[in-house]
Amino acid sequence: MHNQDSSQRTGQGAVFLCAVLWSTSGLFIKLIDWHPVVIAGMRSLTAVLFMTAVRFLSPGRRREPFNLRYLWGGGIAYSATMLSFCIANKLTTSANAILIQHSAPVWAAILGWTLAKEKPRPVNWISLAMVMGGLCLFFKDGLGGGSFNGNMVALFSGICFAANSVFLRIQKKGNPADSMLLAHILTAAASIPFLFTHPPSFTINTAAAILFMGIVQIGLASILFAYGIQRIIAVKAMLTTAVEPVLNPVWVFMIIGEKPAVTAVAGGLIIITAVLVSAIQRTGN
């Protein structure tokens, strides 16, 4: 009992740290004047090199043979998440894109129950309601109609994000990091045509930003997420990643000095509380 509780806390801590790293992307993307798909592709290419090096230096033993269906399912789902989110940000408002994508816990609850046979507990539904309410409050001042197509792409991104967490969770006795590595390979490959239509120009700042995002913001984060999803159910992982949009304006405030709105602070506190509520669960999750 104690060991299982400790494993769950460690897993949720890893996902939380992953969300902290993910949340830094906004600041570094601002430094790069490239097409968003090119940014996603170059970031993922760097992540592939980093994750491959980590795997080579510390090869993990699988506890059971991997299942190609779930390996590819997770890889395709996460690659689609990254690419569709970049596209959504071009087609609709940033607030809409983030808010709609972070409907992922809802889809994770449904898909996790259906595919992974992990039924959410009452506290999961309570946390889920708090997160959705907090996100609506968080983006209250920035929400607008946006573009219907952009909003739909953002919704697709959220569903893919949830599907990725479920596919990784199903591989909990194997090596979920394989799916994350595959996702970055697919994303890098998908960006190749854009390298010719929108060739990037490199400077010291862009190179440094890409290296940081590829190695730390998305590479290390992918390893942490794969580690965490082996220890907590998909919906709990998605609830924990909801702190990502909360932390984005924190970095902006710390570095640029732009103060968030009072409603954003209130919404952020609700989301953080929801994550803490989800953390009180014990065994079986």
C-alpha atoms as a PDB file:
ATOM      1  CA  MET A   1       0.000   0.000   0.000  1.00  0.00           C
ATOM      2  CA  HIS A   2       2.693   2.477   1.036  1.00  0.00           C
ATOM      3  CA  ASN A   3       4.915   1.609  -1.938  1.00  0.00           C
ATOM      4  CA  GLN A   4       2.009   2.026  -4.342  1.00  0.00           C
ATOM      5  CA  ASP A   5       1.068   5.411  -2.848  1.00  0.00           C
ATOM      6  CA  SER A   6       4.694   6.518  -3.092  1.00  0.00           C
ATOM      7  CA  SER A   7       4.850   5.384  -6.721  1.00  0.00           C
ATOM      8  CA  GLN A   8       1.731   7.387  -7.538  1.00  0.00           C
ATOM      9  CA  ARG A   9       3.102  10.520  -5.871  1.00  0.00           C
ATOM     10  CA  THR A  10       6.348  10.119  -7.803  1.00  0.00           C
ATOM     11  CA  GLY A  11       4.421   9.637 -11.025  1.00  0.00           C
ATOM     12  CA  GLN A  12       2.253  12.708 -10.508  1.00  0.00           C
ATOM     13  CA  GLY A  13       5.335  14.706  -9.551  1.00  0.00           C
ATOM     14  CA  ALA A  14       7.001  13.701 -12.825  1.00  0.00           C
ATOM     15  CA  VAL A  15       3.936  14.769 -14.838  1.00  0.00           C
ATOM     16  CA  PHE A  16       3.765  18.048 -12.906  1.00  0.00           C
ATOM     17  CA  LEU A  17       7.426  18.784 -13.694  1.00  0.00           C
ATOM     18  CA  CYS A  18       6.708  17.845 -17.310  1.00  0.00           C
ATOM     19  CA  ALA A  19       3.907  20.441 -17.378  1.00  0.00           C
ATOM     20  CA  VAL A  20       6.276  23.055 -15.917  1.00  0.00           C
ATOM     21  CA  LEU A  21       8.705  22.401 -18.785  1.00  0.00           C
ATOM     22  CA  TRP A  22       5.932  22.432 -21.395  1.00  0.00           C
ATOM     23  CA  SER A  23       4.759  25.804 -20.084  1.00  0.00           C
ATOM     24  CA  THR A  24       8.011  27.516 -21.108  1.00  0.00           C
ATOM     25  CA  SER A  25       7.390  26.997 -24.822  1.00  0.00           C
ATOM     26  CA  GLY A  26       5.502  30.276 -25.320  1.00  0.00           C
ATOM     27  CA  LEU A  27       8.421  32.453 -24.289  1.00  0.00           C
ATOM     28  CA  PHE A  28      10.929  30.649 -26.488  1.00  0.00           C
ATOM     29  CA  ILE A  29       8.639  30.443 -29.511  1.00  0.00           C
ATOM     30  CA  LYS A  30       8.448  34.252 -29.385  1.00  0.00           C
ATOM     31  CA  LEU A  31      12.194  34.313 -30.045  1.00  0.00           C
ATOM     32  CA  ILE A  32      11.816  32.339 -33.284  1.00  0.00           C
ATOM     33  CA  ASP A  33      10.349  34.018 -36.361  1.00  0.00           C
ATOM     34  CA  TRP A  34       9.643  30.775 -38.227  1.00  0.00           C
ATOM     35  CA  HIS A  35       6.575  28.979 -39.526  1.00  0.00           C
ATOM     36  CA  PRO A  36       4.995  27.137 -36.534  1.00  0.00           C
ATOM     37  CA  VAL A  37       5.253  23.715 -38.204  1.00  0.00           C
ATOM     38  CA  VAL A  38       8.952  24.334 -38.870  1.00  0.00           C
ATOM     39  CA  ILE A  39       9.412  25.241 -35.199  1.00  0.00           C
ATOM     40  CA  ALA A  40       7.578  22.072 -34.141  1.00  0.00           C
ATOM     41  CA  GLY A  41       9.641  19.959 -36.537  1.00  0.00           C
ATOM     42  CA  MET A  42      13.053  21.352 -35.585  1.00  0.00           C
ATOM     43  CA  ARG A  43      12.143  21.122 -31.907  1.00  0.00           C
ATOM     44  CA  SER A  44      11.118  17.489 -32.338  1.00  0.00           C
ATOM     45  CA  LEU A  45      14.243  16.668 -34.371  1.00  0.00           C
ATOM     46  CA  THR A  46      16.380  17.966 -31.507  1.00  0.00           C
ATOM     47  CA  ALA A  47      14.229  15.968 -29.069  1.00  0.00           C
ATOM     48  CA  VAL A  48      14.784  12.797 -31.132  1.00  0.00           C
ATOM     49  CA  LEU A  49      18.559  13.203 -30.885  1.00  0.00           C
ATOM     50  CA  PHE A  50      18.373  13.899 -27.145  1.00  0.00           C
ATOM     51  CA  MET A  51      15.977  11.047 -26.322  1.00  0.00           C
ATOM     52  CA  THR A  52      17.976   8.594 -28.456  1.00  0.00           C
ATOM     53  CA  ALA A  53      21.174   9.572 -26.631  1.00  0.00           C
ATOM     54  CA  VAL A  54      19.465   9.125 -23.254  1.00  0.00           C
ATOM     55  CA  ARG A  55      18.158   5.739 -24.304  1.00  0.00           C
ATOM     56  CA  PHE A  56      21.571   4.651 -25.573  1.00  0.00           C
ATOM     57  CA  LEU A  57      23.296   5.712 -22.359  1.00  0.00           C
ATOM     58  CA  SER A  58      20.680   4.192 -20.061  1.00  0.00           C
ATOM     59  CA  PRO A  59      18.847   1.431 -21.924  1.00  0.00           C
ATOM     60  CA  GLY A  60      15.728   0.393 -20.045  1.00  0.00           C
ATOM     61  CA  ARG A  61      14.508  -3.163 -19.897  1.00  0.00           C
ATOM     62  CA  ARG A  62      10.987  -3.789 -21.055  1.00  0.00           C
ATOM     63  CA  ARG A  63       8.898  -5.809 -18.683  1.00  0.00           C
ATOM     64  CA  GLU A  64       6.848  -7.144 -21.574  1.00  0.00           C
ATOM     65  CA  PRO A  65       7.074  -7.022 -25.396  1.00  0.00           C
ATOM     66  CA  PHE A  66       5.699  -3.829 -26.849  1.00  0.00           C
ATOM     67  CA  ASN A  67       2.452  -3.794 -28.789  1.00  0.00           C
ATOM     68  CA  LEU A  68       2.902  -2.139 -32.178  1.00  0.00           C
ATOM     69  CA  ARG A  69      -0.713  -1.000 -32.264  1.00  0.00           C
ATOM     70  CA  TYR A  70      -0.405   0.980 -29.036  1.00  0.00           C
ATOM     71  CA  LEU A  71       3.152   2.095 -29.835  1.00  0.00           C
ATOM     72  CA  TRP A  72       2.008   3.664 -33.106  1.00  0.00           C
ATOM     73  CA  GLY A  73      -1.276   4.816 -31.603  1.00  0.00           C
ATOM     74  CA  GLY A  74       0.539   6.821 -28.949  1.00  0.00           C
ATOM     75  CA  GLY A  75       3.125   8.130 -31.409  1.00  0.00           C
ATOM     76  CA  ILE A  76       0.608   9.274 -33.994  1.00  0.00           C
ATOM     77  CA  ALA A  77      -1.664  10.783 -31.335  1.00  0.00           C
ATOM     78  CA  TYR A  78       1.078  12.900 -29.761  1.00  0.00           C
ATOM     79  CA  SER A  79       2.512  13.972 -33.119  1.00  0.00           C
ATOM     80  CA  ALA A  80      -0.992  15.035 -34.183  1.00  0.00           C
ATOM     81  CA  THR A  81      -1.336  16.895 -30.865  1.00  0.00           C
ATOM     82  CA  MET A  82       1.782  18.973 -31.450  1.00  0.00           C
ATOM     83  CA  LEU A  83       1.086  19.735 -35.110  1.00  0.00           C
ATOM     84  CA  SER A  84      -2.621  20.487 -34.732  1.00  0.00           C
ATOM     85  CA  PHE A  85      -1.984  22.786 -31.771  1.00  0.00           C
ATOM     86  CA  CYS A  86       0.505  24.800 -33.858  1.00  0.00           C
ATOM     87  CA  ILE A  87      -2.082  25.057 -36.646  1.00  0.00           C
ATOM     88  CA  ALA A  88      -4.902  25.958 -34.221  1.00  0.00           C
ATOM     89  CA  ASN A  89      -2.852  28.873 -32.899  1.00  0.00           C
ATOM     90  CA  LYS A  90      -2.739  30.253 -36.455  1.00  0.00           C
ATOM     91  CA  LEU A  91      -6.451  29.773 -37.132  1.00  0.00           C
ATOM     92  CA  THR A  92      -8.039  30.924 -33.858  1.00  0.00           C
ATOM     93  CA  THR A  93      -7.137  32.976 -30.802  1.00  0.00           C
ATOM     94  CA  SER A  94      -4.359  31.675 -28.548  1.00  0.00           C
ATOM     95  CA  ALA A  95      -6.761  31.664 -25.593  1.00  0.00           C
ATOM     96  CA  ASN A  96      -9.279  29.535 -27.494  1.00  0.00           C
ATOM     97  CA  ALA A  97      -6.568  27.158 -28.692  1.00  0.00           C
ATOM     98  CA  ILE A  98      -5.203  26.545 -25.181  1.00  0.00           C
ATOM     99  CA  LEU A  99      -8.593  26.383 -23.473  1.00  0.00           C
ATOM    100  CA  ILE A 100     -10.119  23.991 -26.006  1.00  0.00           C
ATOM    101  CA  GLN A 101      -7.025  21.779 -26.129  1.00  0.00           C
ATOM    102  CA  HIS A 102      -7.102  21.471 -22.357  1.00  0.00           C
ATOM    103  CA  SER A 103     -10.485  19.818 -22.568  1.00  0.00           C
ATOM    104  CA  ALA A 104      -8.175  16.783 -22.768  1.00  0.00           C
ATOM    105  CA  PRO A 105      -9.001  15.539 -19.221  1.00  0.00           C
ATOM    106  CA  VAL A 106     -12.617  15.020 -20.327  1.00  0.00           C
ATOM    107  CA  TRP A 107     -11.561  12.872 -23.277  1.00  0.00           C
ATOM    108  CA  ALA A 108      -8.944  11.084 -21.148  1.00  0.00           C
ATOM    109  CA  ALA A 109     -11.640  10.125 -18.640  1.00  0.00           C
ATOM    110  CA  ILE A 110     -13.830   8.709 -21.414  1.00  0.00           C
ATOM    111  CA  LEU A 111     -11.071   7.008 -23.416  1.00  0.00           C
ATOM    112  CA  GLY A 112      -9.294   5.723 -20.302  1.00  0.00           C
ATOM    113  CA  TRP A 113     -12.521   4.163 -19.077  1.00  0.00           C
ATOM    114  CA  THR A 114     -13.260   2.677 -22.517  1.00  0.00           C
ATOM    115  CA  LEU A 115      -9.819   1.540 -23.701  1.00  0.00           C
ATOM    116  CA  ALA A 116      -7.711   1.117 -20.550  1.00  0.00           C
ATOM    117  CA  LYS A 117     -10.618  -0.063 -18.365  1.00  0.00           C
ATOM    118  CA  GLU A 118      -9.651   2.481 -15.686  1.00  0.00           C
ATOM    119  CA  LYS A 119     -12.859   3.952 -14.309  1.00  0.00           C
ATOM    120  CA  PRO A 120     -12.412   7.479 -12.932  1.00  0.00           C
ATOM    121  CA  ARG A 121     -13.202   7.885  -9.250  1.00  0.00           C
ATOM    122  CA  PRO A 122     -15.587  10.556  -7.910  1.00  0.00           C
ATOM    123  CA  VAL A 123     -12.632  12.744  -6.928  1.00  0.00           C
ATOM    124  CA  ASN A 124     -11.473  12.653 -10.575  1.00  0.00           C
ATOM    125  CA  TRP A 125     -14.816  14.058 -11.719  1.00  0.00           C
ATOM    126  CA  ILE A 126     -14.688  16.735  -9.005  1.00  0.00           C
ATOM    127  CA  SER A 127     -11.179  17.734 -10.080  1.00  0.00           C
ATOM    128  CA  LEU A 128     -12.279  17.664 -13.720  1.00  0.00           C
ATOM    129  CA  ALA A 129     -15.150  20.078 -13.057  1.00  0.00           C
ATOM    130  CA  MET A 130     -12.803  22.382 -11.124  1.00  0.00           C
ATOM    131  CA  VAL A 131     -10.232  22.381 -13.923  1.00  0.00           C
ATOM    132  CA  MET A 132     -12.777  23.212 -16.620  1.00  0.00           C
ATOM    133  CA  GLY A 133     -14.288  25.970 -14.453  1.00  0.00           C
ATOM    134  CA  GLY A 134     -10.844  27.331 -13.635  1.00  0.00           C
ATOM    135  CA  LEU A 135      -9.809  27.343 -17.307  1.00  0.00           C
ATOM    136  CA  CYS A 136     -12.957  29.253 -18.304  1.00  0.00           C
ATOM    137  CA  LEU A 137     -12.263  31.841 -15.594  1.00  0.00           C
ATOM    138  CA  PHE A 138      -8.557  31.895 -16.439  1.00  0.00           C
ATOM    139  CA  PHE A 139      -9.215  32.859 -20.058  1.00  0.00           C
ATOM    140  CA  LYS A 140     -12.356  34.913 -19.420  1.00  0.00           C
ATOM    141  CA  ASP A 141     -10.885  38.208 -20.630  1.00  0.00           C
ATOM    142  CA  GLY A 142      -9.199  36.707 -23.674  1.00  0.00           C
ATOM    143  CA  LEU A 143     -11.977  34.478 -24.996  1.00  0.00           C
ATOM    144  CA  GLY A 144     -13.700  35.402 -28.209  1.00  0.00           C
ATOM    145  CA  GLY A 145     -15.551  33.655 -30.980  1.00  0.00           C
ATOM    146  CA  GLY A 146     -12.358  32.834 -32.809  1.00  0.00           C
ATOM    147  CA  SER A 147     -12.421  30.829 -36.004  1.00  0.00           C
ATOM    148  CA  PHE A 148     -14.725  27.793 -36.150  1.00  0.00           C
ATOM    149  CA  ASN A 149     -12.104  25.826 -38.092  1.00  0.00           C
ATOM    150  CA  GLY A 150      -9.400  26.838 -35.623  1.00  0.00           C
ATOM    151  CA  ASN A 151     -11.563  25.892 -32.660  1.00  0.00           C
ATOM    152  CA  MET A 152     -12.272  22.489 -34.217  1.00  0.00           C
ATOM    153  CA  VAL A 153      -8.556  21.904 -34.824  1.00  0.00           C
ATOM    154  CA  ALA A 154      -7.887  22.802 -31.175  1.00  0.00           C
ATOM    155  CA  LEU A 155     -10.586  20.338 -30.109  1.00  0.00           C
ATOM    156  CA  PHE A 156      -8.952  17.672 -32.272  1.00  0.00           C
ATOM    157  CA  SER A 157      -5.634  18.486 -30.587  1.00  0.00           C
ATOM    158  CA  GLY A 158      -7.198  17.967 -27.148  1.00  0.00           C
ATOM    159  CA  ILE A 159      -8.681  14.610 -28.150  1.00  0.00           C
ATOM    160  CA  CYS A 160      -5.320  13.496 -29.573  1.00  0.00           C
ATOM    161  CA  PHE A 161      -3.562  14.645 -26.397  1.00  0.00           C
ATOM    162  CA  ALA A 162      -5.944  12.534 -24.315  1.00  0.00           C
ATOM    163  CA  ALA A 163      -5.618   9.546 -26.663  1.00  0.00           C
ATOM    164  CA  ASN A 164      -1.834   9.719 -26.368  1.00  0.00           C
ATOM    165  CA  SER A 165      -2.016   9.550 -22.569  1.00  0.00           C
ATOM    166  CA  VAL A 166      -4.341   6.532 -22.749  1.00  0.00           C
ATOM    167  CA  PHE A 167      -2.172   4.671 -25.273  1.00  0.00           C
ATOM    168  CA  LEU A 168       0.883   5.353 -23.111  1.00  0.00           C
ATOM    169  CA  ARG A 169      -0.988   4.208 -20.024  1.00  0.00           C
ATOM    170  CA  ILE A 170      -1.875   0.916 -21.731  1.00  0.00           C
ATOM    171  CA  GLN A 171       1.879   0.427 -22.266  1.00  0.00           C
ATOM    172  CA  LYS A 172       2.606   0.957 -18.547  1.00  0.00           C
ATOM    173  CA  LYS A 173       4.286  -2.462 -18.292  1.00  0.00           C
ATOM    174  CA  GLY A 174       6.411  -1.772 -21.333  1.00  0.00           C
ATOM    175  CA  ASN A 175       8.240   1.419 -22.326  1.00  0.00           C
ATOM    176  CA  PRO A 176       5.875   4.348 -23.065  1.00  0.00           C
ATOM    177  CA  ALA A 177       8.860   6.538 -23.955  1.00  0.00           C
ATOM    178  CA  ASP A 178       9.034   4.617 -27.268  1.00  0.00           C
ATOM    179  CA  SER A 179       5.743   6.220 -28.340  1.00  0.00           C
ATOM    180  CA  MET A 180       6.971   9.682 -27.386  1.00  0.00           C
ATOM    181  CA  LEU A 181      10.179   9.153 -29.374  1.00  0.00           C
ATOM    182  CA  LEU A 182       8.154   7.939 -32.358  1.00  0.00           C
ATOM    183  CA  ALA A 183       5.916  11.002 -32.074  1.00  0.00           C
ATOM    184  CA  HIS A 184       8.895  13.329 -32.398  1.00  0.00           C
ATOM    185  CA  ILE A 185      10.216  11.370 -35.390  1.00  0.00           C
ATOM    186  CA  LEU A 186       6.817  11.696 -37.100  1.00  0.00           C
ATOM    187  CA  THR A 187       6.578  15.416 -36.285  1.00  0.00           C
ATOM    188  CA  ALA A 188      10.074  16.087 -37.626  1.00  0.00           C
ATOM    189  CA  ALA A 189       9.225  14.158 -40.812  1.00  0.00           C
ATOM    190  CA  ALA A 190       5.936  16.031 -41.256  1.00  0.00           C
ATOM    191  CA  SER A 191       7.771  19.357 -41.142  1.00  0.00           C
ATOM    192  CA  ILE A 192      10.153  18.527 -44.025  1.00  0.00           C
ATOM    193  CA  PRO A 193       7.957  20.035 -46.797  1.00  0.00           C
ATOM    194  CA  PHE A 194       7.671  23.252 -44.784  1.00  0.00           C
ATOM    195  CA  LEU A 195      11.450  23.534 -44.625  1.00  0.00           C
ATOM    196  CA  PHE A 196      11.419  24.094 -48.389  1.00  0.00           C
ATOM    197  CA  THR A 197       8.375  26.378 -48.522  1.00  0.00           C
ATOM    198  CA  HIS A 198       9.327  28.327 -45.376  1.00  0.00           C
ATOM    199  CA  PRO A 199      13.114  27.943 -45.000  1.00  0.00           C
ATOM    200  CA  PRO A 200      14.270  28.952 -41.494  1.00  0.00           C
ATOM    201  CA  SER A 201      17.005  31.493 -40.887  1.00  0.00           C
ATOM    202  CA  PHE A 202      19.328  30.638 -38.013  1.00  0.00           C
ATOM    203  CA  THR A 203      20.753  33.087 -35.498  1.00  0.00           C
ATOM    204  CA  ILE A 204      22.379  32.513 -32.136  1.00  0.00           C
ATOM    205  CA  ASN A 205      19.052  33.230 -30.415  1.00  0.00           C
ATOM    206  CA  THR A 206      16.993  30.885 -32.599  1.00  0.00           C
ATOM    207  CA  ALA A 207      19.563  28.097 -32.325  1.00  0.00           C
ATOM    208  CA  ALA A 208      19.679  28.441 -28.528  1.00  0.00           C
ATOM    209  CA  ALA A 209      15.880  28.506 -28.320  1.00  0.00           C
ATOM    210  CA  ILE A 210      15.517  25.388 -30.482  1.00  0.00           C
ATOM    211  CA  LEU A 211      18.154  23.553 -28.452  1.00  0.00           C
ATOM    212  CA  PHE A 212      16.436  24.437 -25.182  1.00  0.00           C
ATOM    213  CA  MET A 213      12.988  23.470 -26.457  1.00  0.00           C
ATOM    214  CA  GLY A 214      14.185  20.243 -28.046  1.00  0.00           C
ATOM    215  CA  ILE A 215      16.320  19.059 -25.135  1.00  0.00           C
ATOM    216  CA  VAL A 216      14.528  20.430 -22.083  1.00  0.00           C
ATOM    217  CA  GLN A 217      11.081  21.807 -22.927  1.00  0.00           C
ATOM    218  CA  ILE A 218       9.924  18.828 -25.011  1.00  0.00           C
ATOM    219  CA  GLY A 219      12.660  16.147 -24.867  1.00  0.00           C
ATOM    220  CA  LEU A 220      13.109  15.851 -21.108  1.00  0.00           C
ATOM    221  CA  ALA A 221       9.402  16.588 -20.668  1.00  0.00           C
ATOM    222  CA  SER A 222       8.509  13.601 -22.879  1.00  0.00           C
ATOM    223  CA  ILE A 223      10.682  11.309 -20.763  1.00  0.00           C
ATOM    224  CA  LEU A 224       9.068  12.630 -17.577  1.00  0.00           C
ATOM    225  CA  PHE A 225       5.559  12.189 -18.989  1.00  0.00           C
ATOM    226  CA  ALA A 226       6.285   8.619 -20.081  1.00  0.00           C
ATOM    227  CA  TYR A 227       7.672   7.877 -16.608  1.00  0.00           C
ATOM    228  CA  GLY A 228       4.681   9.415 -14.851  1.00  0.00           C
ATOM    229  CA  ILE A 229       1.977   7.791 -16.988  1.00  0.00           C
ATOM    230  CA  GLN A 230       3.251   4.366 -15.921  1.00  0.00           C
ATOM    231  CA  ARG A 231       2.265   5.238 -12.342  1.00  0.00           C
ATOM    232  CA  ILE A 232      -0.989   7.235 -12.568  1.00  0.00           C
ATOM    233  CA  ILE A 233      -4.117   6.846 -14.682  1.00  0.00           C
ATOM    234  CA  ALA A 234      -4.572   8.902 -17.853  1.00  0.00           C
ATOM    235  CA  VAL A 235      -7.242  11.268 -16.518  1.00  0.00           C
ATOM    236  CA  LYS A 236      -5.089  12.088 -13.484  1.00  0.00           C
ATOM    237  CA  ALA A 237      -2.139  12.820 -15.763  1.00  0.00           C
ATOM    238  CA  MET A 238      -4.270  15.126 -17.921  1.00  0.00           C
ATOM    239  CA  LEU A 239      -5.578  16.934 -14.838  1.00  0.00           C
ATOM    240  CA  THR A 240      -2.002  17.514 -13.690  1.00  0.00           C
ATOM    241  CA  THR A 241      -0.916  18.932 -17.060  1.00  0.00           C
ATOM    242  CA  ALA A 242      -3.658  21.567 -16.690  1.00  0.00           C
ATOM    243  CA  VAL A 243      -1.134  23.639 -14.720  1.00  0.00           C
ATOM    244  CA  GLU A 244       0.687  24.299 -18.014  1.00  0.00           C
ATOM    245  CA  PRO A 245      -1.504  27.239 -19.170  1.00  0.00           C
ATOM    246  CA  VAL A 246      -1.445  28.596 -15.616  1.00  0.00           C
ATOM    247  CA  LEU A 247       2.331  28.783 -15.597  1.00  0.00           C
ATOM    248  CA  ASN A 248       2.667  30.403 -19.035  1.00  0.00           C
ATOM    249  CA  PRO A 249       1.767  33.917 -17.778  1.00  0.00           C
ATOM    250  CA  VAL A 250       3.934  33.354 -14.693  1.00  0.00           C
ATOM    251  CA  TRP A 251       7.053  33.160 -16.889  1.00  0.00           C
ATOM    252  CA  VAL A 252       5.868  36.171 -18.880  1.00  0.00           C
ATOM    253  CA  PHE A 253       5.366  38.150 -15.653  1.00  0.00           C
ATOM    254  CA  MET A 254       8.757  37.122 -14.252  1.00  0.00           C
ATOM    255  CA  ILE A 255      10.702  37.916 -17.419  1.00  0.00           C
ATOM    256  CA  ILE A 256       8.691  40.619 -19.204  1.00  0.00           C
ATOM    257  CA  GLY A 257       6.762  42.070 -16.260  1.00  0.00           C
ATOM    258  CA  GLU A 258       3.301  41.659 -17.827  1.00  0.00           C
ATOM    259  CA  LYS A 259       0.786  41.225 -15.008  1.00  0.00           C
ATOM    260  CA  PRO A 260      -2.034  38.679 -15.425  1.00  0.00           C
ATOM    261  CA  ALA A 261      -5.649  39.704 -14.841  1.00  0.00           C
ATOM    262  CA  VAL A 262      -7.292  39.093 -11.462  1.00  0.00           C
ATOM    263  CA  THR A 263      -9.654  36.562 -13.054  1.00  0.00           C
ATOM    264  CA  ALA A 264      -6.661  34.707 -14.484  1.00  0.00           C
ATOM    265  CA  VAL A 265      -5.069  34.494 -11.030  1.00  0.00           C
ATOM    266  CA  ALA A 266      -8.353  33.218  -9.551  1.00  0.00           C
ATOM    267  CA  GLY A 267      -8.751  30.642 -12.314  1.00  0.00           C
ATOM    268  CA  GLY A 268      -5.164  29.525 -11.870  1.00  0.00           C
ATOM    269  CA  LEU A 269      -5.666  29.010  -8.131  1.00  0.00           C
ATOM    270  CA  ILE A 270      -8.741  26.867  -8.843  1.00  0.00           C
ATOM    271  CA  ILE A 271      -6.773  24.719 -11.296  1.00  0.00           C
ATOM    272  CA  ILE A 272      -3.877  24.276  -8.861  1.00  0.00           C
ATOM    273  CA  THR A 273      -6.391  23.294  -6.163  1.00  0.00           C
ATOM    274  CA  ALA A 274      -7.972  20.769  -8.542  1.00  0.00           C
ATOM    275  CA  VAL A 275      -4.585  19.180  -9.186  1.00  0.00           C
ATOM    276  CA  LEU A 276      -3.982  18.938  -5.438  1.00  0.00           C
ATOM    277  CA  VAL A 277      -7.437  17.383  -4.985  1.00  0.00           C
ATOM    278  CA  SER A 278      -6.611  14.765  -7.608  1.00  0.00           C
ATOM    279  CA  ALA A 279      -3.389  14.018  -5.732  1.00  0.00           C
ATOM    280  CA  ILE A 280      -5.238  12.788  -2.625  1.00  0.00           C
ATOM    281  CA  GLN A 281      -6.262   9.582  -4.347  1.00  0.00           C
ATOM    282  CA  ARG A 282      -4.720   6.433  -3.033  1.00  0.00           C
ATOM    283  CA  THR A 283      -4.242   2.973  -4.440  1.00  0.00           C
ATOM    284  CA  GLY A 284      -5.950   1.752  -7.546  1.00  0.00           C
ATOM    285  CA  ASN A 285      -5.019   4.816  -9.583  1.00  0.00           C
END
